[in-house]
Structure formats: structure tokens, C-alpha cells
PDB file of N, CA and C in Angstrom:
ATOM      1  N   UNK A   1     101.087 166.660  48.614  1.00  0.00           N
ATOM      2  CA  UNK A   1     101.403 166.629  49.964  1.00  0.00           C
ATOM      3  C   UNK A   1     102.033 167.975  50.393  1.00  0.00           C
ATOM      4  N   UNK A   2     101.800 168.239  51.643  1.00  0.00           N
ATOM      5  CA  UNK A   2     102.419 169.475  52.137  1.00  0.00           C
ATOM      6  C   UNK A   2     103.900 169.568  52.358  1.00  0.00           C
ATOM      7  N   UNK A   3     104.452 170.500  53.127  1.00  0.00           N
ATOM      8  CA  UNK A   3     105.757 170.608  53.429  1.00  0.00           C
ATOM      9  C   UNK A   3     106.203 169.492  54.418  1.00  0.00           C
ATOM     10  N   UNK A   4     107.325 169.002  54.162  1.00  0.00           N
ATOM     11  CA  UNK A   4     107.838 167.955  54.896  1.00  0.00           C
ATOM     12  C   UNK A   4     108.433 168.506  56.205  1.00  0.00           C
ATOM     13  N   UNK A   5     108.038 167.813  57.302  1.00  0.00           N
ATOM     14  CA  UNK A   5     108.354 168.308  58.698  1.00  0.00           C
ATOM     15  C   UNK A   5     108.458 167.066  59.471  1.00  0.00           C
ATOM     16  N   UNK A   6     109.734 166.728  60.050  1.00  0.00           N
ATOM     17  CA  UNK A   6     109.983 165.724  61.023  1.00  0.00           C
ATOM     18  C   UNK A   6     109.328 166.072  62.254  1.00  0.00           C
ATOM     19  N   UNK A   7     108.616 165.144  62.898  1.00  0.00           N
ATOM     20  CA  UNK A   7     107.702 165.378  64.000  1.00  0.00           C
ATOM     21  C   UNK A   7     108.018 164.254  65.164  1.00  0.00           C
ATOM     22  N   UNK A   8     108.750 164.886  66.247  1.00  0.00           N
ATOM     23  CA  UNK A   8     109.097 164.088  67.323  1.00  0.00           C
ATOM     24  C   UNK A   8     107.923 163.376  68.020  1.00  0.00           C
ATOM     25  N   UNK A   9     106.722 163.916  68.082  1.00  0.00           N
ATOM     26  CA  UNK A   9     105.670 163.425  68.650  1.00  0.00           C
ATOM     27  C   UNK A   9     105.178 162.147  68.070  1.00  0.00           C
ATOM     28  N   UNK A  10     105.115 162.247  66.641  1.00  0.00           N
ATOM     29  CA  UNK A  10     104.707 161.098  65.837  1.00  0.00           C
ATOM     30  C   UNK A  10     105.806 159.950  65.682  1.00  0.00           C
ATOM     31  N   UNK A  11     107.027 160.491  65.592  1.00  0.00           N
ATOM     32  CA  UNK A  11     108.216 159.613  65.388  1.00  0.00           C
ATOM     33  C   UNK A  11     108.435 158.319  66.192  1.00  0.00           C
ATOM     34  N   UNK A  12     107.944 158.517  67.478  1.00  0.00           N
ATOM     35  CA  UNK A  12     108.138 157.339  68.435  1.00  0.00           C
ATOM     36  C   UNK A  12     107.481 156.204  67.913  1.00  0.00           C
ATOM     37  N   UNK A  13     108.145 155.007  67.697  1.00  0.00           N
ATOM     38  CA  UNK A  13     107.658 153.851  66.965  1.00  0.00           C
ATOM     39  C   UNK A  13     106.178 153.544  67.266  1.00  0.00           C
ATOM     40  N   UNK A  14     105.693 153.455  68.419  1.00  0.00           N
ATOM     41  CA  UNK A  14     104.293 153.036  68.623  1.00  0.00           C
ATOM     42  C   UNK A  14     103.461 154.112  68.145  1.00  0.00           C
ATOM     43  N   UNK A  15     103.717 155.510  68.355  1.00  0.00           N
ATOM     44  CA  UNK A  15     102.821 156.421  67.824  1.00  0.00           C
ATOM     45  C   UNK A  15     102.814 156.533  66.330  1.00  0.00           C
ATOM     46  N   UNK A  16     104.044 156.323  65.759  1.00  0.00           N
ATOM     47  CA  UNK A  16     103.999 156.189  64.375  1.00  0.00           C
ATOM     48  C   UNK A  16     103.048 155.060  63.812  1.00  0.00           C
ATOM     49  N   UNK A  17     103.084 153.910  64.279  1.00  0.00           N
ATOM     50  CA  UNK A  17     102.224 152.913  64.063  1.00  0.00           C
ATOM     51  C   UNK A  17     100.779 153.231  64.230  1.00  0.00           C
ATOM     52  N   UNK A  18     100.402 153.879  65.460  1.00  0.00           N
ATOM     53  CA  UNK A  18      99.097 154.240  65.748  1.00  0.00           C
ATOM     54  C   UNK A  18      98.607 155.227  64.498  1.00  0.00           C
ATOM     55  N   UNK A  19      99.383 156.188  64.198  1.00  0.00           N
ATOM     56  CA  UNK A  19      98.970 157.182  63.171  1.00  0.00           C
ATOM     57  C   UNK A  19      98.860 156.479  61.856  1.00  0.00           C
ATOM     58  N   UNK A  20      99.806 155.565  61.524  1.00  0.00           N
ATOM     59  CA  UNK A  20      99.747 154.943  60.340  1.00  0.00           C
ATOM     60  C   UNK A  20      98.472 153.930  60.111  1.00  0.00           C
ATOM     61  N   UNK A  21      97.981 153.353  61.205  1.00  0.00           N
ATOM     62  CA  UNK A  21      96.797 152.623  61.274  1.00  0.00           C
ATOM     63  C   UNK A  21      95.562 153.581  61.093  1.00  0.00           C
ATOM     64  N   UNK A  22      95.580 154.728  61.759  1.00  0.00           N
ATOM     65  CA  UNK A  22      94.444 155.560  61.792  1.00  0.00           C
ATOM     66  C   UNK A  22      94.282 156.298  60.412  1.00  0.00           C
ATOM     67  N   UNK A  23      95.396 156.618  59.872  1.00  0.00           N
ATOM     68  CA  UNK A  23      95.405 157.480  58.572  1.00  0.00           C
ATOM     69  C   UNK A  23      94.436 156.994  57.432  1.00  0.00           C
ATOM     70  N   UNK A  24      94.260 155.910  57.175  1.00  0.00           N
ATOM     71  CA  UNK A  24      93.555 155.532  56.068  1.00  0.00           C
ATOM     72  C   UNK A  24      91.944 155.248  56.457  1.00  0.00           C
ATOM     73  N   UNK A  25      91.480 155.473  57.645  1.00  0.00           N
ATOM     74  CA  UNK A  25      90.294 155.208  58.093  1.00  0.00           C
ATOM     75  C   UNK A  25      89.708 156.362  58.812  1.00  0.00           C
ATOM     76  N   UNK A  26      88.329 156.434  58.834  1.00  0.00           N
ATOM     77  CA  UNK A  26      87.618 157.500  59.560  1.00  0.00           C
ATOM     78  C   UNK A  26      87.844 157.489  61.098  1.00  0.00           C
ATOM     79  N   UNK A  27      87.789 156.185  61.558  1.00  0.00           N
ATOM     80  CA  UNK A  27      87.926 155.998  62.966  1.00  0.00           C
ATOM     81  C   UNK A  27      88.215 154.531  63.161  1.00  0.00           C
ATOM     82  N   UNK A  28      88.697 154.110  64.409  1.00  0.00           N
ATOM     83  CA  UNK A  28      89.063 152.674  64.689  1.00  0.00           C
ATOM     84  C   UNK A  28      88.696 152.409  66.229  1.00  0.00           C
ATOM     85  N   UNK A  29      88.197 151.359  66.482  1.00  0.00           N
ATOM     86  CA  UNK A  29      87.852 150.837  67.879  1.00  0.00           C
ATOM     87  C   UNK A  29      89.246 150.751  68.555  1.00  0.00           C
ATOM     88  N   UNK A  30      89.216 151.305  69.811  1.00  0.00           N
ATOM     89  CA  UNK A  30      90.344 151.198  70.703  1.00  0.00           C
ATOM     90  C   UNK A  30      90.847 149.712  70.821  1.00  0.00           C
ATOM     91  N   UNK A  31      89.961 148.842  70.973  1.00  0.00           N
ATOM     92  CA  UNK A  31      90.229 147.351  71.228  1.00  0.00           C
ATOM     93  C   UNK A  31      90.811 146.715  70.090  1.00  0.00           C
ATOM     94  N   UNK A  32      90.387 147.159  68.847  1.00  0.00           N
ATOM     95  CA  UNK A  32      90.857 146.760  67.557  1.00  0.00           C
ATOM     96  C   UNK A  32      92.327 147.186  67.376  1.00  0.00           C
ATOM     97  N   UNK A  33      92.529 148.402  67.688  1.00  0.00           N
ATOM     98  CA  UNK A  33      93.962 149.131  67.587  1.00  0.00           C
ATOM     99  C   UNK A  33      94.883 148.394  68.460  1.00  0.00           C
ATOM    100  N   UNK A  34      94.502 148.157  69.710  1.00  0.00           N
ATOM    101  CA  UNK A  34      95.215 147.497  70.770  1.00  0.00           C
ATOM    102  C   UNK A  34      95.596 146.064  70.316  1.00  0.00           C
ATOM    103  N   UNK A  35      94.626 145.330  69.751  1.00  0.00           N
ATOM    104  CA  UNK A  35      94.885 143.904  69.341  1.00  0.00           C
ATOM    105  C   UNK A  35      95.731 143.824  68.121  1.00  0.00           C
ATOM    106  N   UNK A  36      95.600 144.872  67.155  1.00  0.00           N
ATOM    107  CA  UNK A  36      96.511 144.963  65.936  1.00  0.00           C
ATOM    108  C   UNK A  36      97.819 145.201  66.328  1.00  0.00           C
ATOM    109  N   UNK A  37      97.998 146.047  67.311  1.00  0.00           N
ATOM    110  CA  UNK A  37      99.391 146.520  67.699  1.00  0.00           C
ATOM    111  C   UNK A  37      99.813 145.527  68.704  1.00  0.00           C
ATOM    112  N   UNK A  38      99.250 144.646  69.240  1.00  0.00           N
ATOM    113  CA  UNK A  38      99.466 143.576  70.246  1.00  0.00           C
ATOM    114  C   UNK A  38     100.212 144.248  71.409  1.00  0.00           C
ATOM    115  N   UNK A  39      99.570 145.427  71.995  1.00  0.00           N
ATOM    116  CA  UNK A  39      99.954 145.961  73.238  1.00  0.00           C
ATOM    117  C   UNK A  39      98.786 145.916  74.230  1.00  0.00           C
ATOM    118  N   UNK A  40      99.273 146.299  75.494  1.00  0.00           N
ATOM    119  CA  UNK A  40      98.268 146.305  76.585  1.00  0.00           C
ATOM    120  C   UNK A  40      97.428 147.625  76.398  1.00  0.00           C
ATOM    121  N   UNK A  41      96.269 147.643  77.130  1.00  0.00           N
ATOM    122  CA  UNK A  41      95.473 148.828  77.253  1.00  0.00           C
ATOM    123  C   UNK A  41      96.230 149.921  77.685  1.00  0.00           C
ATOM    124  N   UNK A  42      97.084 149.792  78.852  1.00  0.00           N
ATOM    125  CA  UNK A  42      97.818 150.768  79.495  1.00  0.00           C
ATOM    126  C   UNK A  42      98.926 151.314  78.468  1.00  0.00           C
ATOM    127  N   UNK A  43      99.530 150.506  77.593  1.00  0.00           N
ATOM    128  CA  UNK A  43     100.570 151.058  76.768  1.00  0.00           C
ATOM    129  C   UNK A  43      99.905 151.967  75.600  1.00  0.00           C
ATOM    130  N   UNK A  44      98.684 151.333  75.063  1.00  0.00           N
ATOM    131  CA  UNK A  44      98.004 152.092  74.019  1.00  0.00           C
ATOM    132  C   UNK A  44      97.456 153.431  74.698  1.00  0.00           C
ATOM    133  N   UNK A  45      96.936 153.404  75.805  1.00  0.00           N
ATOM    134  CA  UNK A  45      96.420 154.575  76.420  1.00  0.00           C
ATOM    135  C   UNK A  45      97.427 155.670  76.641  1.00  0.00           C
ATOM    136  N   UNK A  46      98.544 155.249  77.057  1.00  0.00           N
ATOM    137  CA  UNK A  46      99.734 156.320  77.207  1.00  0.00           C
ATOM    138  C   UNK A  46     100.190 156.972  75.903  1.00  0.00           C
ATOM    139  N   UNK A  47     100.212 156.248  74.917  1.00  0.00           N
ATOM    140  CA  UNK A  47     100.601 156.829  73.473  1.00  0.00           C
ATOM    141  C   UNK A  47      99.384 157.589  72.970  1.00  0.00           C
ATOM    142  N   UNK A  48      98.149 157.274  73.216  1.00  0.00           N
ATOM    143  CA  UNK A  48      97.066 157.984  72.680  1.00  0.00           C
ATOM    144  C   UNK A  48      96.863 159.307  73.479  1.00  0.00           C
ATOM    145  N   UNK A  49      97.132 159.308  74.657  1.00  0.00           N
ATOM    146  CA  UNK A  49      97.262 160.465  75.428  1.00  0.00           C
ATOM    147  C   UNK A  49      98.148 161.440  75.028  1.00  0.00           C
ATOM    148  N   UNK A  50      99.319 160.964  74.643  1.00  0.00           N
ATOM    149  CA  UNK A  50     100.256 161.948  73.991  1.00  0.00           C
ATOM    150  C   UNK A  50      99.784 162.562  72.671  1.00  0.00           C
ATOM    151  N   UNK A  51      99.164 161.642  71.870  1.00  0.00           N
ATOM    152  CA  UNK A  51      98.697 162.156  70.613  1.00  0.00           C
ATOM    153  C   UNK A  51      97.443 163.079  70.734  1.00  0.00           C
ATOM    154  N   UNK A  52      96.587 162.912  71.731  1.00  0.00           N
ATOM    155  CA  UNK A  52      95.513 163.722  71.978  1.00  0.00           C
ATOM    156  C   UNK A  52      95.977 165.128  72.497  1.00  0.00           C
ATOM    157  N   UNK A  53      97.023 165.017  73.376  1.00  0.00           N
ATOM    158  CA  UNK A  53      97.600 166.238  73.869  1.00  0.00           C
ATOM    159  C   UNK A  53      98.327 167.172  72.791  1.00  0.00           C
ATOM    160  N   UNK A  54      98.753 166.593  71.771  1.00  0.00           N
ATOM    161  CA  UNK A  54      99.273 167.245  70.636  1.00  0.00           C
ATOM    162  C   UNK A  54      98.203 167.613  69.568  1.00  0.00           C
ATOM    163  N   UNK A  55      96.817 167.311  69.900  1.00  0.00           N
ATOM    164  CA  UNK A  55      95.756 167.667  69.065  1.00  0.00           C
ATOM    165  C   UNK A  55      95.841 166.770  67.661  1.00  0.00           C
ATOM    166  N   UNK A  56      96.399 165.717  67.834  1.00  0.00           N
ATOM    167  CA  UNK A  56      96.494 164.823  66.584  1.00  0.00           C
ATOM    168  C   UNK A  56      95.514 163.742  66.509  1.00  0.00           C
ATOM    169  N   UNK A  57      94.878 163.334  67.762  1.00  0.00           N
ATOM    170  CA  UNK A  57      94.009 162.199  67.769  1.00  0.00           C
ATOM    171  C   UNK A  57      92.871 162.730  68.677  1.00  0.00           C
ATOM    172  N   UNK A  58      91.639 162.363  68.306  1.00  0.00           N
ATOM    173  CA  UNK A  58      90.460 162.591  69.193  1.00  0.00           C
ATOM    174  C   UNK A  58      89.917 161.302  69.571  1.00  0.00           C
ATOM    175  N   UNK A  59      89.357 161.166  70.773  1.00  0.00           N
ATOM    176  CA  UNK A  59      88.559 159.851  71.131  1.00  0.00           C
ATOM    177  C   UNK A  59      87.040 160.147  71.316  1.00  0.00           C
ATOM    178  N   UNK A  60      86.262 159.304  71.143  1.00  0.00           N
ATOM    179  CA  UNK A  60      84.866 159.437  71.239  1.00  0.00           C
ATOM    180  C   UNK A  60      84.123 158.053  71.746  1.00  0.00           C
ATOM    181  N   UNK A  61      83.515 158.096  72.847  1.00  0.00           N
ATOM    182  CA  UNK A  61      82.845 156.944  73.317  1.00  0.00           C
ATOM    183  C   UNK A  61      81.431 156.800  72.748  1.00  0.00           C
ATOM    184  N   UNK A  62      81.037 155.735  72.065  1.00  0.00           N
ATOM    185  CA  UNK A  62      79.764 155.609  71.536  1.00  0.00           C
ATOM    186  C   UNK A  62      79.351 154.201  71.619  1.00  0.00           C
ATOM    187  N   UNK A  63      78.043 153.948  71.523  1.00  0.00           N
ATOM    188  CA  UNK A  63      77.483 152.554  71.497  1.00  0.00           C
ATOM    189  C   UNK A  63      77.763 151.972  70.182  1.00  0.00           C
ATOM    190  N   UNK A  64      78.024 150.678  70.356  1.00  0.00           N
ATOM    191  CA  UNK A  64      78.446 149.928  69.080  1.00  0.00           C
ATOM    192  C   UNK A  64      77.267 148.992  68.690  1.00  0.00           C
ATOM    193  N   UNK A  65      76.842 148.912  67.519  1.00  0.00           N
ATOM    194  CA  UNK A  65      75.743 148.062  67.087  1.00  0.00           C
ATOM    195  C   UNK A  65      76.151 146.588  67.186  1.00  0.00           C
ATOM    196  N   UNK A  66      77.402 146.381  67.184  1.00  0.00           N
ATOM    197  CA  UNK A  66      77.783 144.930  67.184  1.00  0.00           C
ATOM    198  C   UNK A  66      77.779 144.418  68.729  1.00  0.00           C
ATOM    199  N   UNK A  67      77.607 145.199  69.653  1.00  0.00           N
ATOM    200  CA  UNK A  67      77.573 144.755  71.041  1.00  0.00           C
ATOM    201  C   UNK A  67      76.216 144.578  71.523  1.00  0.00           C
ATOM    202  N   UNK A  68      76.044 143.457  72.293  1.00  0.00           N
ATOM    203  CA  UNK A  68      74.769 143.206  72.799  1.00  0.00           C
ATOM    204  C   UNK A  68      74.527 143.684  74.100  1.00  0.00           C
ATOM    205  N   UNK A  69      75.418 144.381  74.769  1.00  0.00           N
ATOM    206  CA  UNK A  69      75.296 145.009  76.117  1.00  0.00           C
ATOM    207  C   UNK A  69      75.378 146.545  75.946  1.00  0.00           C
ATOM    208  N   UNK A  70      75.326 147.256  77.049  1.00  0.00           N
ATOM    209  CA  UNK A  70      75.262 148.761  77.036  1.00  0.00           C
ATOM    210  C   UNK A  70      76.526 149.342  77.106  1.00  0.00           C
ATOM    211  N   UNK A  71      77.641 148.557  77.222  1.00  0.00           N
ATOM    212  CA  UNK A  71      78.937 149.132  77.233  1.00  0.00           C
ATOM    213  C   UNK A  71      79.163 149.895  76.012  1.00  0.00           C
ATOM    214  N   UNK A  72      79.953 151.063  76.135  1.00  0.00           N
ATOM    215  CA  UNK A  72      80.338 151.670  74.958  1.00  0.00           C
ATOM    216  C   UNK A  72      81.729 151.487  74.510  1.00  0.00           C
ATOM    217  N   UNK A  73      81.982 151.824  73.203  1.00  0.00           N
ATOM    218  CA  UNK A  73      83.278 151.616  72.512  1.00  0.00           C
ATOM    219  C   UNK A  73      83.947 152.826  72.461  1.00  0.00           C
ATOM    220  N   UNK A  74      85.322 152.904  72.669  1.00  0.00           N
ATOM    221  CA  UNK A  74      86.125 154.052  72.459  1.00  0.00           C
ATOM    222  C   UNK A  74      86.560 154.036  71.035  1.00  0.00           C
ATOM    223  N   UNK A  75      86.212 155.073  70.310  1.00  0.00           N
ATOM    224  CA  UNK A  75      86.601 155.252  69.007  1.00  0.00           C
ATOM    225  C   UNK A  75      87.758 156.237  68.873  1.00  0.00           C
ATOM    226  N   UNK A  76      88.904 156.045  67.985  1.00  0.00           N
ATOM    227  CA  UNK A  76      89.837 156.921  67.967  1.00  0.00           C
ATOM    228  C   UNK A  76      90.048 157.425  66.412  1.00  0.00           C
ATOM    229  N   UNK A  77      90.251 158.671  66.307  1.00  0.00           N
ATOM    230  CA  UNK A  77      90.420 159.199  64.910  1.00  0.00           C
ATOM    231  C   UNK A  77      91.508 160.222  64.820  1.00  0.00           C
ATOM    232  N   UNK A  78      92.185 160.366  63.551  1.00  0.00           N
ATOM    233  CA  UNK A  78      93.229 161.349  63.462  1.00  0.00           C
ATOM    234  C   UNK A  78      92.464 162.716  63.230  1.00  0.00           C
ATOM    235  N   UNK A  79      92.859 163.732  63.761  1.00  0.00           N
ATOM    236  CA  UNK A  79      92.233 165.067  63.517  1.00  0.00           C
ATOM    237  C   UNK A  79      92.869 165.431  62.127  1.00  0.00           C
ATOM    238  N   UNK A  80      92.152 166.634  61.599  1.00  0.00           N
ATOM    239  CA  UNK A  80      92.801 167.139  60.377  1.00  0.00           C
ATOM    240  C   UNK A  80      94.322 167.656  60.500  1.00  0.00           C
ATOM    241  N   UNK A  81      94.428 168.195  61.866  1.00  0.00           N
ATOM    242  CA  UNK A  81      95.822 168.573  62.187  1.00  0.00           C
ATOM    243  C   UNK A  81      96.739 167.322  62.272  1.00  0.00           C
ATOM    244  N   UNK A  82      96.219 166.202  62.818  1.00  0.00           N
ATOM    245  CA  UNK A  82      96.887 164.966  63.008  1.00  0.00           C
ATOM    246  C   UNK A  82      97.250 164.439  61.644  1.00  0.00           C
ATOM    247  N   UNK A  83      96.347 164.438  60.604  1.00  0.00           N
ATOM    248  CA  UNK A  83      96.586 163.822  59.314  1.00  0.00           C
ATOM    249  C   UNK A  83      97.680 164.751  58.666  1.00  0.00           C
ATOM    250  N   UNK A  84      97.599 166.066  58.652  1.00  0.00           N
ATOM    251  CA  UNK A  84      98.498 166.848  58.159  1.00  0.00           C
ATOM    252  C   UNK A  84      99.917 166.621  58.714  1.00  0.00           C
ATOM    253  N   UNK A  85     100.005 166.570  60.085  1.00  0.00           N
ATOM    254  CA  UNK A  85     101.251 166.219  60.683  1.00  0.00           C
ATOM    255  C   UNK A  85     101.835 164.831  60.317  1.00  0.00           C
ATOM    256  N   UNK A  86     100.998 163.930  60.216  1.00  0.00           N
ATOM    257  CA  UNK A  86     101.514 162.600  59.736  1.00  0.00           C
ATOM    258  C   UNK A  86     102.049 162.603  58.369  1.00  0.00           C
ATOM    259  N   UNK A  87     101.250 163.089  57.449  1.00  0.00           N
ATOM    260  CA  UNK A  87     101.708 163.208  56.109  1.00  0.00           C
ATOM    261  C   UNK A  87     102.969 163.872  55.962  1.00  0.00           C
ATOM    262  N   UNK A  88     103.117 165.000  56.762  1.00  0.00           N
ATOM    263  CA  UNK A  88     104.378 165.820  56.619  1.00  0.00           C
ATOM    264  C   UNK A  88     105.574 165.070  57.177  1.00  0.00           C
ATOM    265  N   UNK A  89     105.319 164.336  58.199  1.00  0.00           N
ATOM    266  CA  UNK A  89     106.308 163.477  58.894  1.00  0.00           C
ATOM    267  C   UNK A  89     106.814 162.286  57.916  1.00  0.00           C
ATOM    268  N   UNK A  90     105.804 161.692  57.301  1.00  0.00           N
ATOM    269  CA  UNK A  90     106.139 160.655  56.341  1.00  0.00           C
ATOM    270  C   UNK A  90     106.997 161.278  55.166  1.00  0.00           C
ATOM    271  N   UNK A  91     106.613 162.419  54.633  1.00  0.00           N
ATOM    272  CA  UNK A  91     107.232 163.112  53.592  1.00  0.00           C
ATOM    273  C   UNK A  91     108.875 163.456  53.962  1.00  0.00           C
ATOM    274  N   UNK A  92     108.984 163.827  55.242  1.00  0.00           N
ATOM    275  CA  UNK A  92     110.200 164.203  55.851  1.00  0.00           C
ATOM    276  C   UNK A  92     111.120 162.839  55.869  1.00  0.00           C
ATOM    277  N   UNK A  93     110.510 161.636  56.279  1.00  0.00           N
ATOM    278  CA  UNK A  93     111.271 160.474  56.307  1.00  0.00           C
ATOM    279  C   UNK A  93     111.628 160.171  54.784  1.00  0.00           C
ATOM    280  N   UNK A  94     110.796 160.200  53.950  1.00  0.00           N
ATOM    281  CA  UNK A  94     110.958 159.919  52.455  1.00  0.00           C
ATOM    282  C   UNK A  94     112.122 160.789  51.998  1.00  0.00           C
ATOM    283  N   UNK A  95     112.195 162.134  52.411  1.00  0.00           N
ATOM    284  CA  UNK A  95     113.267 163.000  52.049  1.00  0.00           C
ATOM    285  C   UNK A  95     114.688 162.408  52.575  1.00  0.00           C
ATOM    286  N   UNK A  96     114.550 162.069  53.894  1.00  0.00           N
ATOM    287  CA  UNK A  96     115.745 161.462  54.590  1.00  0.00           C
ATOM    288  C   UNK A  96     116.253 160.258  53.872  1.00  0.00           C
ATOM    289  N   UNK A  97     115.358 159.421  53.436  1.00  0.00           N
ATOM    290  CA  UNK A  97     115.794 158.149  52.915  1.00  0.00           C
ATOM    291  C   UNK A  97     115.988 158.378  51.341  1.00  0.00           C
ATOM    292  N   UNK A  98     115.760 159.694  50.852  1.00  0.00           N
ATOM    293  CA  UNK A  98     116.038 159.926  49.465  1.00  0.00           C
ATOM    294  C   UNK A  98     115.083 159.054  48.548  1.00  0.00           C
ATOM    295  N   UNK A  99     113.924 158.850  48.972  1.00  0.00           N
ATOM    296  CA  UNK A  99     112.828 158.310  48.123  1.00  0.00           C
ATOM    297  C   UNK A  99     111.722 159.201  47.868  1.00  0.00           C
ATOM    298  N   UNK A 100     111.744 160.500  47.928  1.00  0.00           N
ATOM    299  CA  UNK A 100     110.888 161.400  47.535  1.00  0.00           C
ATOM    300  C   UNK A 100     110.372 161.309  46.142  1.00  0.00           C
TER     301      UNK A 100
END
């Protein structure tokens, strides 16, 4: 793991949870993330916009093979910069907790 660095953008509880859910996967459906976090579309959108502005998350709209209609699904992914920042933040938390 890289250098430990506390990150105020990631540290907000909802954004920490978003990054934690995105970290082990390539991408996740916005609706699945919303339902998992038990928040509204507006709440999730607000936090995703902050993560996108920091270049930590990217969103992509694409057709979903599971859908029977033409609506597209918004997929969210951590960027390589976002993965590194999340890992660094988690290491900083471990250092603070004395569990490194």
C-alpha cells in the first residue's frame, strides 16, 4: 500500500462508504449503490458529484442487459486516482488507530 494520507473529501461518512463499496468492484449501478446505502437519489448524487469533482469517481450511462426497456443505467467506478486516495486514507486511519 502507498503512503498514508488523510483525505477530507473521502472521510465524510457517506463518501467513505461510497468509496468502500466501489473499491472491490469494477463498477456498480447507481440504483444498487443507493439502495445499499439506504439514501435518496439526491443524497447519493450530491456525494457522487463531490467525488467526481475530486477525480475519484467516474460515471457512465449504458444500456443494461437486465432491463427490458431502453432506459440506461448509470454506472459508477473509482478512478485509479480514487483507488489510490481511498487506500491511502484507509492506511492513515489505520495509523491513527494504531492498527497498521
